[in-house]
Protein backbone atom coordinates (compact mmCIF):
# COMPACT_ATOMS: atom_id res chain seq x y z
CA MET A 1 13.91 4.72 7.97
CA LEU A 2 14.93 7.86 6.20
CA ASN A 3 14.52 11.16 8.00
CA GLU A 4 13.08 13.67 5.58
CA GLU A 5 13.49 17.42 6.09
CA LYS A 6 10.44 19.36 7.17
CA LYS A 7 8.51 21.39 4.66
CA ASP A 8 8.94 25.14 4.76
CA SER A 9 5.70 26.50 6.18
CA LYS A 10 5.60 29.16 3.48
CA GLU A 11 5.48 26.66 0.65
CA LYS A 12 2.22 25.73 -1.01
CA LYS A 13 3.65 22.72 -2.82
CA VAL A 14 5.77 19.89 -1.45
CA ASP A 15 8.94 18.66 -3.10
CA PRO A 16 7.85 15.49 -4.96
CA GLU A 17 10.73 13.55 -3.48
CA MET A 18 9.34 14.13 0.00
CA LYS A 19 6.03 12.54 -0.94
CA ARG A 20 7.62 9.11 -0.76
CA ALA A 21 8.39 9.59 2.94
CA LYS A 22 4.77 9.48 3.99
CA ARG A 23 4.49 5.82 2.95
CA LYS A 24 7.24 4.73 5.33
CA ILE A 25 5.56 3.40 8.46
CA LEU A 26 7.47 1.75 11.29
CA ILE A 27 8.45 -1.61 9.84
CA ALA A 28 8.30 -3.45 13.15
CA VAL A 29 4.61 -2.69 13.48
CA PHE A 30 3.38 -5.04 10.83
CA PHE A 31 6.19 -6.84 9.09
CA LEU A 32 5.94 -10.59 9.37
CA ILE A 33 8.16 -12.47 11.78
CA VAL A 34 9.06 -16.06 11.13
CA GLY A 35 8.00 -18.19 14.06
CA VAL A 36 10.25 -21.21 13.65
CA GLY A 37 13.21 -20.37 15.80
CA SER A 38 14.45 -16.81 16.08
CA LEU A 39 15.78 -14.87 13.11
CA THR A 40 18.87 -12.74 13.25
CA TYR A 41 17.89 -9.40 11.76
CA GLY A 42 21.39 -8.29 10.97
CA LEU A 43 22.76 -6.96 7.74
CA ALA A 44 22.66 -9.64 5.06
CA LYS A 45 26.10 -10.27 3.60
CA ALA A 46 27.06 -11.22 0.10
CA ILE A 47 28.95 -14.23 1.49
CA ILE A 48 26.39 -16.42 3.23
CA LYS A 49 27.93 -19.51 4.82
CA GLN A 50 24.91 -20.80 6.70
CA PRO A 51 21.48 -21.49 5.19
CA GLY A 52 18.31 -20.22 6.86
CA TRP A 53 16.06 -17.18 6.93
CA ARG A 54 17.93 -14.04 5.87
CA GLU A 55 16.95 -10.56 4.78
CA VAL A 56 17.73 -10.01 1.11
CA THR A 57 18.65 -6.40 0.44
CA ALA A 58 18.71 -4.52 -2.84
CA GLU A 59 21.85 -2.95 -4.25
CA SER A 60 22.05 0.73 -3.40
CA THR A 61 23.74 1.79 -6.63
CA ASN A 62 20.43 2.83 -8.24
CA GLU A 63 17.60 4.90 -6.82
CA SER A 64 14.72 2.65 -5.80
CA CYS A 65 11.87 2.20 -3.34
CA ALA A 66 13.73 -0.53 -1.43
CA ASN A 67 13.35 1.36 1.85
CA ASP A 68 9.60 0.78 1.64
CA PHE A 69 10.00 -3.02 1.80
CA VAL A 70 11.62 -5.96 3.54
CA PHE A 71 12.34 -9.19 1.70
CA TYR A 72 13.14 -12.35 3.67
CA TYR A 73 14.06 -15.72 2.22
CA ASN A 74 14.91 -19.19 3.51
CA ILE A 75 18.35 -19.33 1.90
CA GLY A 76 19.51 -22.81 0.89
CA TYR A 77 16.19 -24.51 1.59
CA ASN A 78 16.20 -26.27 -1.78
CA GLY A 79 19.79 -27.41 -1.41
CA ALA A 80 21.38 -24.50 -3.30
CA THR A 81 24.68 -23.07 -2.12
CA ALA A 82 23.77 -20.27 0.27
CA SER A 83 26.00 -17.55 -1.23
CA VAL A 84 25.04 -18.40 -4.81
CA GLU A 85 21.33 -18.33 -4.05
CA TYR A 86 21.54 -15.14 -1.99
CA ASN A 87 23.35 -13.27 -4.76
CA GLU A 88 20.84 -14.47 -7.36
CA LEU A 89 17.97 -13.32 -5.16
CA LYS A 90 19.69 -9.99 -4.59
CA ARG A 91 20.09 -9.46 -8.33
CA LEU A 92 16.46 -10.31 -9.10
CA TYR A 93 15.18 -8.20 -6.21
CA THR A 94 17.28 -5.19 -7.13
CA ASP A 95 16.16 -5.27 -10.76
CA ALA A 96 12.49 -5.60 -9.75
CA ILE A 97 12.51 -2.91 -7.09
CA VAL A 98 14.37 -0.39 -9.27
CA LYS A 99 12.01 -0.95 -12.17
CA SER A 100 8.95 -0.69 -9.92
CA PHE A 101 10.18 2.59 -8.49
CA ARG A 102 10.50 4.06 -11.95
CA ILE A 103 7.36 2.84 -13.68
CA PHE A 104 4.88 3.62 -10.87
CA HIS A 105 6.35 7.04 -10.11
CA ASN A 106 4.05 10.00 -10.60
CA ASP A 107 6.43 12.76 -9.50
CA LYS A 108 9.66 11.98 -11.29
CA SER A 109 10.75 11.30 -14.85
CA PHE A 110 13.40 8.81 -15.96
CA SER A 111 15.17 8.68 -19.28
CA GLY A 112 13.54 6.16 -21.60
CA VAL A 113 10.80 5.26 -19.09
CA HIS A 114 7.16 5.89 -19.86
CA ASN A 115 5.83 5.88 -16.32
CA VAL A 116 2.67 7.22 -14.67
CA LYS A 117 4.04 10.76 -14.69
CA TYR A 118 4.81 10.54 -18.41
CA ILE A 119 1.30 9.30 -19.19
CA ASN A 120 -0.24 12.18 -17.22
CA GLU A 121 1.88 14.65 -19.17
CA HIS A 122 0.83 13.26 -22.57
CA PRO A 123 -2.95 12.88 -22.72
CA GLY A 124 -4.26 11.85 -26.11
CA GLU A 125 -0.99 10.20 -27.15
CA GLU A 126 -0.45 6.49 -27.79
CA ILE A 127 2.29 5.39 -25.40
CA LYS A 128 4.22 2.14 -25.11
CA VAL A 129 4.71 1.19 -21.44
CA ASP A 130 6.48 -1.56 -19.58
CA HIS A 131 4.46 -4.77 -19.49
CA THR A 132 4.38 -4.76 -15.68
CA LEU A 133 2.74 -1.33 -15.65
CA TYR A 134 0.36 -2.37 -18.41
CA HIS A 135 -0.66 -5.44 -16.41
CA ALA A 136 -1.33 -3.22 -13.38
CA PHE A 137 -3.64 -1.07 -15.51
CA GLU A 138 -5.39 -4.24 -16.70
CA GLN A 139 -5.99 -5.35 -13.12
CA VAL A 140 -7.52 -2.02 -12.18
CA GLU A 141 -9.72 -1.97 -15.26
CA LYS A 142 -10.93 -5.51 -14.54
CA SER A 143 -11.97 -4.46 -11.02
CA GLY A 144 -14.24 -1.72 -12.31
CA LEU A 145 -12.97 0.65 -9.61
CA ARG A 146 -12.18 4.27 -10.48
CA ASN A 147 -9.68 4.96 -7.69
CA LEU A 148 -6.82 5.15 -10.19
CA TYR A 149 -8.46 8.30 -11.57
CA LEU A 150 -8.23 10.20 -8.27
CA GLY A 151 -4.82 11.50 -9.36
CA SER A 152 -6.16 15.06 -9.65
CA VAL A 153 -7.52 14.97 -6.09
CA TYR A 154 -4.34 13.49 -4.63
CA ASP A 155 -2.31 16.11 -6.48
CA SER A 156 -3.78 18.62 -4.03
CA TYR A 157 -4.86 16.53 -1.04
CA ASP A 158 -1.44 14.91 -0.45
CA GLN A 159 -0.16 18.28 0.75
CA ILE A 160 -2.16 17.89 3.95
CA PHE A 161 0.28 15.28 5.25
CA PHE A 162 3.05 17.86 5.33
CA ALA A 163 1.06 20.49 7.18
CA GLU A 164 2.50 21.62 10.51
CA THR A 165 -0.57 23.53 11.66
CA ASP A 166 -4.33 23.24 11.22
CA GLU A 167 -4.18 26.49 9.28
CA GLU A 168 -1.88 24.89 6.72
CA ALA A 169 -3.94 21.70 6.63
CA TYR A 170 -7.09 23.78 6.07
CA LEU A 171 -5.88 24.67 2.57
CA PHE A 172 -6.21 21.02 1.49
CA ASP A 173 -8.83 19.63 3.87
CA PRO A 174 -12.27 18.97 2.31
CA ILE A 175 -13.76 18.19 5.72
CA ALA A 176 -12.84 21.54 7.28
CA ASN A 177 -12.83 23.74 4.17
CA GLU A 178 -16.04 24.06 2.16
CA GLU A 179 -14.26 25.57 -0.85
CA VAL A 180 -11.81 22.64 -0.96
CA LYS A 181 -14.69 20.22 -0.54
CA GLN A 182 -16.46 21.66 -3.57
CA LYS A 183 -13.23 21.54 -5.57
CA TYR A 184 -12.66 17.87 -4.75
CA GLN A 185 -16.29 17.04 -5.49
CA LYS A 186 -15.94 18.54 -8.95
CA LEU A 187 -12.66 16.70 -9.55
CA CYS A 188 -14.32 13.47 -8.40
CA ALA A 189 -17.21 14.06 -10.77
CA PHE A 190 -14.70 14.06 -13.62
CA ALA A 191 -12.77 11.11 -12.15
CA LYS A 192 -15.90 8.94 -11.91
CA ASP A 193 -16.93 9.64 -15.49
CA ASP A 194 -15.25 7.55 -18.19
CA LYS A 195 -16.45 10.09 -20.72
CA SER A 196 -14.25 12.65 -18.97
CA VAL A 197 -11.17 10.54 -18.34
CA LYS A 198 -10.23 7.01 -19.35
CA LEU A 199 -7.00 5.14 -19.80
CA GLU A 200 -7.48 3.17 -22.98
CA LEU A 201 -5.66 -0.18 -23.11
CA LEU A 202 -4.80 -0.72 -26.74
CA GLY A 203 -3.00 -4.06 -26.51
CA ASN A 204 0.70 -4.83 -26.99
CA ASP A 205 1.46 -2.76 -23.86
CA LYS A 206 0.20 0.44 -25.48
CA VAL A 207 -2.05 2.91 -23.68
CA LYS A 208 -3.69 6.24 -24.40
CA LEU A 209 -5.03 8.57 -21.73
CA PHE A 210 -8.20 10.27 -22.86
CA VAL A 211 -9.04 13.46 -20.97
CA SER A 212 -11.95 15.65 -22.02
CA LYS A 213 -11.32 19.28 -22.89
CA ALA A 214 -13.56 20.39 -20.01
CA TYR A 215 -11.57 18.32 -17.52
CA GLN A 216 -8.22 19.56 -18.78
CA GLU A 217 -9.37 23.16 -18.57
CA TYR A 218 -10.71 22.76 -15.04
CA ALA A 219 -7.59 20.91 -13.87
CA LYS A 220 -5.45 23.74 -15.21
CA SER A 221 -7.61 26.34 -13.49
CA VAL A 222 -7.12 24.68 -10.07
CA ASP A 223 -3.43 23.92 -10.62
CA VAL A 224 -3.50 20.12 -10.65
CA HIS A 225 -1.38 18.13 -13.07
CA SER A 226 -2.31 14.46 -12.62
CA TYR A 227 -5.25 12.44 -13.85
CA ILE A 228 -4.18 8.96 -12.81
CA ASP A 229 -2.12 7.85 -9.82
CA PHE A 230 -1.76 4.55 -7.96
CA ASN A 231 -0.85 6.60 -4.89
CA TRP A 232 -1.25 4.55 -1.67
CA MET A 233 -2.27 1.46 -3.71
CA LYS A 234 0.99 1.01 -5.61
CA ASN A 235 2.84 -1.15 -3.07
CA ALA A 236 0.22 -3.87 -3.50
CA PHE A 237 1.25 -4.10 -7.15
CA ILE A 238 4.94 -4.03 -6.30
CA VAL A 239 4.89 -6.86 -3.74
CA ASP A 240 2.92 -9.02 -6.17
CA TYR A 241 5.38 -8.25 -8.95
CA VAL A 242 8.43 -9.12 -6.83
CA ALA A 243 6.80 -12.34 -5.62
CA ASP A 244 5.95 -13.29 -9.21
CA ILE A 245 9.54 -12.69 -10.31
CA MET A 246 10.76 -14.98 -7.54
CA ARG A 247 8.31 -17.74 -8.38
CA LYS A 248 9.29 -17.61 -12.05
CA GLY A 249 12.90 -18.06 -10.94
CA ASN A 250 11.85 -21.11 -8.88
CA HIS A 251 12.51 -19.26 -5.63
CA THR A 252 9.52 -20.21 -3.49
CA ALA A 253 10.58 -19.90 0.14
CA GLY A 254 10.19 -16.28 1.13
CA TYR A 255 8.01 -13.21 1.56
CA ILE A 256 8.07 -9.52 0.77
CA ALA A 257 6.25 -6.96 2.91
CA SER A 258 5.77 -3.24 2.45
CA CYS A 259 5.92 -0.68 5.23
CA ASP A 260 2.28 0.28 4.65
CA GLY A 261 0.67 -3.09 5.20
CA PHE A 262 0.97 -5.19 2.00
CA THR A 263 2.51 -8.66 2.28
CA ASN A 264 2.92 -11.36 -0.36
CA ASN A 265 4.16 -14.53 1.28
CA PHE A 266 5.20 -17.01 -1.42
CA ASP A 267 6.61 -19.60 0.97
CA SER A 268 5.98 -23.18 -0.20
CA THR A 269 7.71 -24.77 2.80
CA HIS A 270 4.66 -24.47 5.08
CA SER A 271 6.70 -22.63 7.69
CA ASP A 272 5.02 -20.96 10.65
CA PHE A 273 4.54 -17.20 10.53
CA ASP A 274 3.00 -14.59 12.75
CA MET A 275 2.27 -10.88 12.62
CA THR A 276 1.31 -8.38 15.29
CA PHE A 277 -1.90 -6.42 14.84
CA TYR A 278 -3.40 -3.50 16.73
CA ASP A 279 -6.72 -2.01 17.69
CA ARG A 280 -7.48 1.66 18.15
CA ASP A 281 -10.14 2.33 20.76
CA GLY A 282 -10.90 6.01 21.06
CA SER A 283 -7.61 7.82 21.60
CA GLN A 284 -5.80 4.63 22.67
CA TYR A 285 -4.47 1.79 20.62
CA TYR A 286 -3.63 -1.67 21.87
CA GLU A 287 -1.40 -4.49 20.69
CA ALA A 288 -4.42 -6.75 20.32
CA GLY A 289 -2.51 -9.93 19.57
CA LYS A 290 -0.56 -11.98 17.05
CA LEU A 291 -2.01 -13.57 13.96
CA GLN A 292 -0.45 -16.99 13.25
CA TYR A 293 -0.59 -19.01 10.04
CA LYS A 294 1.33 -21.47 7.89
CA GLY A 295 2.75 -21.12 4.40
CA ALA A 296 1.90 -18.91 1.47
CA ARG A 297 -0.80 -16.25 1.47
CA SER A 298 -1.28 -12.55 0.86
CA ILE A 299 -2.20 -10.12 3.63
CA ILE A 300 -3.32 -6.48 3.66
CA TYR A 301 -3.46 -4.57 6.94
CA LEU A 302 -4.98 -1.08 6.73
CA HIS A 303 -5.52 1.29 9.65
CA ASN A 304 -6.66 4.88 9.95
CA TYR A 305 -4.21 6.24 12.53
CA SER A 306 -0.53 6.83 13.07
CA MET A 307 1.41 4.13 14.89
CA SER A 308 4.70 5.95 15.35
CA VAL A 309 6.48 9.25 14.83
CA GLN A 310 7.98 7.69 11.71
CA ASP A 311 4.69 7.56 9.81
CA LYS A 312 3.91 11.28 10.09
CA TYR A 313 3.53 11.65 6.32
CA GLN A 314 0.82 8.98 6.10
CA TYR A 315 -1.69 10.78 8.30
CA TYR A 316 -2.54 14.22 9.61
CA GLU A 317 -4.10 14.64 13.05
CA THR A 318 -5.80 17.96 13.63
CA LYS A 319 -4.39 19.81 16.58
CA LYS A 320 -7.71 21.05 17.96
CA THR A 321 -10.19 18.21 17.41
CA LYS A 322 -7.72 15.30 17.11
CA GLU A 323 -9.50 14.11 13.98
CA ILE A 324 -7.30 12.10 11.62
CA ARG A 325 -7.02 12.52 7.87
CA THR A 326 -5.87 9.46 5.89
CA PRO A 327 -5.01 8.75 2.24
CA TYR A 328 -8.03 6.46 1.83
CA LEU A 329 -10.22 8.75 -0.27
CA SER A 330 -13.66 7.94 -1.56
CA VAL A 331 -14.03 8.33 -5.31
CA GLU A 332 -17.51 9.70 -4.65
CA ASP A 333 -16.43 12.97 -3.04
CA GLY A 334 -12.70 12.94 -2.20
CA ILE A 335 -13.35 12.54 1.54
CA CYS A 336 -11.22 10.07 3.51
CA ARG A 337 -13.21 7.22 4.99
CA SER A 338 -12.57 3.96 6.83
CA CYS A 339 -15.17 1.52 8.10
CA LYS A 340 -12.90 0.29 10.90
CA ASN A 341 -9.85 1.65 12.64
CA ASP A 342 -8.00 -1.56 11.72
CA LEU A 343 -8.91 -4.08 9.04
CA ILE A 344 -6.98 -7.11 7.80
CA MET A 345 -7.79 -9.16 4.73
CA THR A 346 -6.04 -12.41 3.85
CA GLY A 347 -6.16 -14.84 0.97
CA LYS A 348 -4.31 -18.06 0.29
CA LYS A 349 -5.06 -18.00 -3.42
CA SER A 350 -5.15 -14.24 -4.00
CA GLY A 351 -2.36 -11.77 -4.59
CA CYS A 352 -2.35 -8.42 -2.82
CA VAL A 353 -3.84 -6.64 -5.81
CA ASP A 354 -6.81 -8.98 -5.94
CA LEU A 355 -7.29 -8.54 -2.19
CA LEU A 356 -7.02 -4.77 -2.54
CA MET A 357 -9.56 -4.49 -5.34
CA ASN A 358 -12.02 -6.36 -3.10
CA MET A 359 -10.99 -4.49 0.05
CA ILE A 360 -11.35 -0.92 -1.23
CA PRO A 361 -15.18 -0.89 -1.44
CA VAL A 362 -15.35 -2.46 2.02
CA TYR A 363 -12.74 -0.37 3.81
CA ILE A 364 -13.35 3.04 2.26
CA ALA A 365 -16.84 3.36 3.69
CA ASP A 366 -18.60 4.82 6.70
CA GLU A 367 -19.65 1.43 8.07
CA LEU A 368 -18.43 -2.15 7.71
CA ASP A 369 -20.57 -4.11 5.24
CA LYS A 370 -20.71 -7.46 7.03
CA ALA A 371 -22.71 -9.07 4.23
CA ALA A 372 -19.94 -8.11 1.80
CA ILE A 373 -17.19 -9.70 3.90
CA ASP A 374 -19.31 -12.83 4.33
CA ASN A 375 -19.58 -13.07 0.54
CA LEU A 376 -15.84 -12.53 0.12
CA SER A 377 -15.11 -15.37 2.52
CA LYS A 378 -16.89 -17.73 0.11
CA ASP A 379 -14.20 -16.84 -2.43
CA GLY A 380 -11.38 -17.45 0.05
CA ILE A 381 -10.87 -13.80 1.02
CA CYS A 382 -11.08 -13.57 4.79
CA THR A 383 -11.35 -10.64 7.18
CA ILE A 384 -10.07 -9.84 10.67
CA TYR A 385 -11.02 -6.80 12.73
CA CYS A 386 -11.60 -5.73 16.32
CA GLU A 387 -14.88 -4.67 17.86
CA ASN A 388 -15.52 -4.02 21.56
CA HIS A 389 -12.21 -5.72 22.44
CA LYS A 390 -13.13 -8.80 20.45
CA ILE A 391 -11.02 -10.08 17.56
CA ILE A 392 -13.56 -11.07 14.93
CA CYS A 393 -12.26 -13.47 12.30
CA ASN A 394 -13.85 -15.56 9.54
CA ASP A 395 -10.58 -17.28 8.55
CA GLN A 396 -10.52 -20.80 9.99
CA THR A 397 -6.90 -21.39 8.88
CA VAL A 398 -5.35 -18.86 11.27
CA THR A 399 -4.86 -18.83 15.03
CA PHE A 400 -4.18 -16.08 17.58
CA ASP A 401 -1.68 -15.74 20.39
CA ASN A 402 -0.55 -13.14 22.96
CA LEU A 403 -3.96 -11.50 23.17
CA TYR A 404 -3.89 -8.24 25.11
CA ASP A 405 -4.84 -8.76 28.76
CA ARG A 406 -3.77 -6.03 31.16
CA ASP A 407 -4.80 -2.68 32.62
CA GLY A 408 -8.35 -3.97 32.88
CA ILE A 409 -8.59 -4.56 29.13
CA THR A 410 -8.94 -8.11 27.79
CA TYR A 411 -9.18 -9.14 24.14
CA GLU A 412 -10.98 -12.31 23.11
CA GLU A 413 -11.37 -13.97 19.73
CA GLU A 414 -14.70 -14.56 18.05
CA ARG A 415 -15.06 -16.82 15.03
CA LYS A 416 -17.62 -16.22 12.33
């Protein structure tokens, strides 16, 4: 993990480059671990003599978001020469991760790249974008969700994750600060209204961001500069894109996982996998157990608390009340919400983006809608969560191991 410098307490705005740090959560917490034999998590070398599971790393010659992901592959599974296959995977992965970093960026410009930042800076203009970005916009539009349009709220709210005191956090906290709450409510009113802001998809990878005059004037008056932003959602799109690139290259024995809980496992070898999951109970959190499964599927694991000192830019915990602020904002009022402390969704036929579009209305809520997750299970989207030290699961294709049982606390599984 990269160690970012602390923000000067006198600053009102955070260096855009530091914003990326808050997505970097301790990889060991929820990255998948292959269960057939033990993997050697050493540095992958360009000369691979032995086949087997290896981490594929991106070239470091270009700036990218590679630090936000791990990519593992069963090198040589299909009979290819290990070194040849590894270098091909490395090339494909590097190209994909560099491009993703550039096109989804909302804080930095790149020569010749019409990314999210560029679109925000040119409302009313017809803009040609990369097809991958265009497809991401199509997926969001198809979902009917308006979370993409919370860019103006995040432009301000994201500063809370760099606060060092409650007094600093107060400037951006709609729960503690009534003035900020009213500001976010007004921004959300614009964001929800397609007559105030809408990204028009014109075909042939061309887009035009419509922003009403009233919205532009208000945004200027409160010093916000974004209208759209994938924000915490973007890694779902990136893992799906990388997995799709690999499948198109006939590389179907691996997985890519992001540090904030998005995994696209495109393994066609039916290998055994497991992942550790946690449960927060009051001020304590427990390693509830390990989720085990076989072969390809997508997984999203969201939680509303910090798991290590390395994820300090993902959450803010108030010093006095110990309340936690998260990036999971409701489009209704700009308030962070989560129906459960931990929630996992899985799908064997769904990518992470499809899972996410179904998960957002469920997770960003005050209470878990059990009828909604029952309906999703009929479409192959399954849910796992903890309640009263029970692991509740409606996915019959997974199993559990190493359930927490010590210190007077015992976890049990319950099937739905």
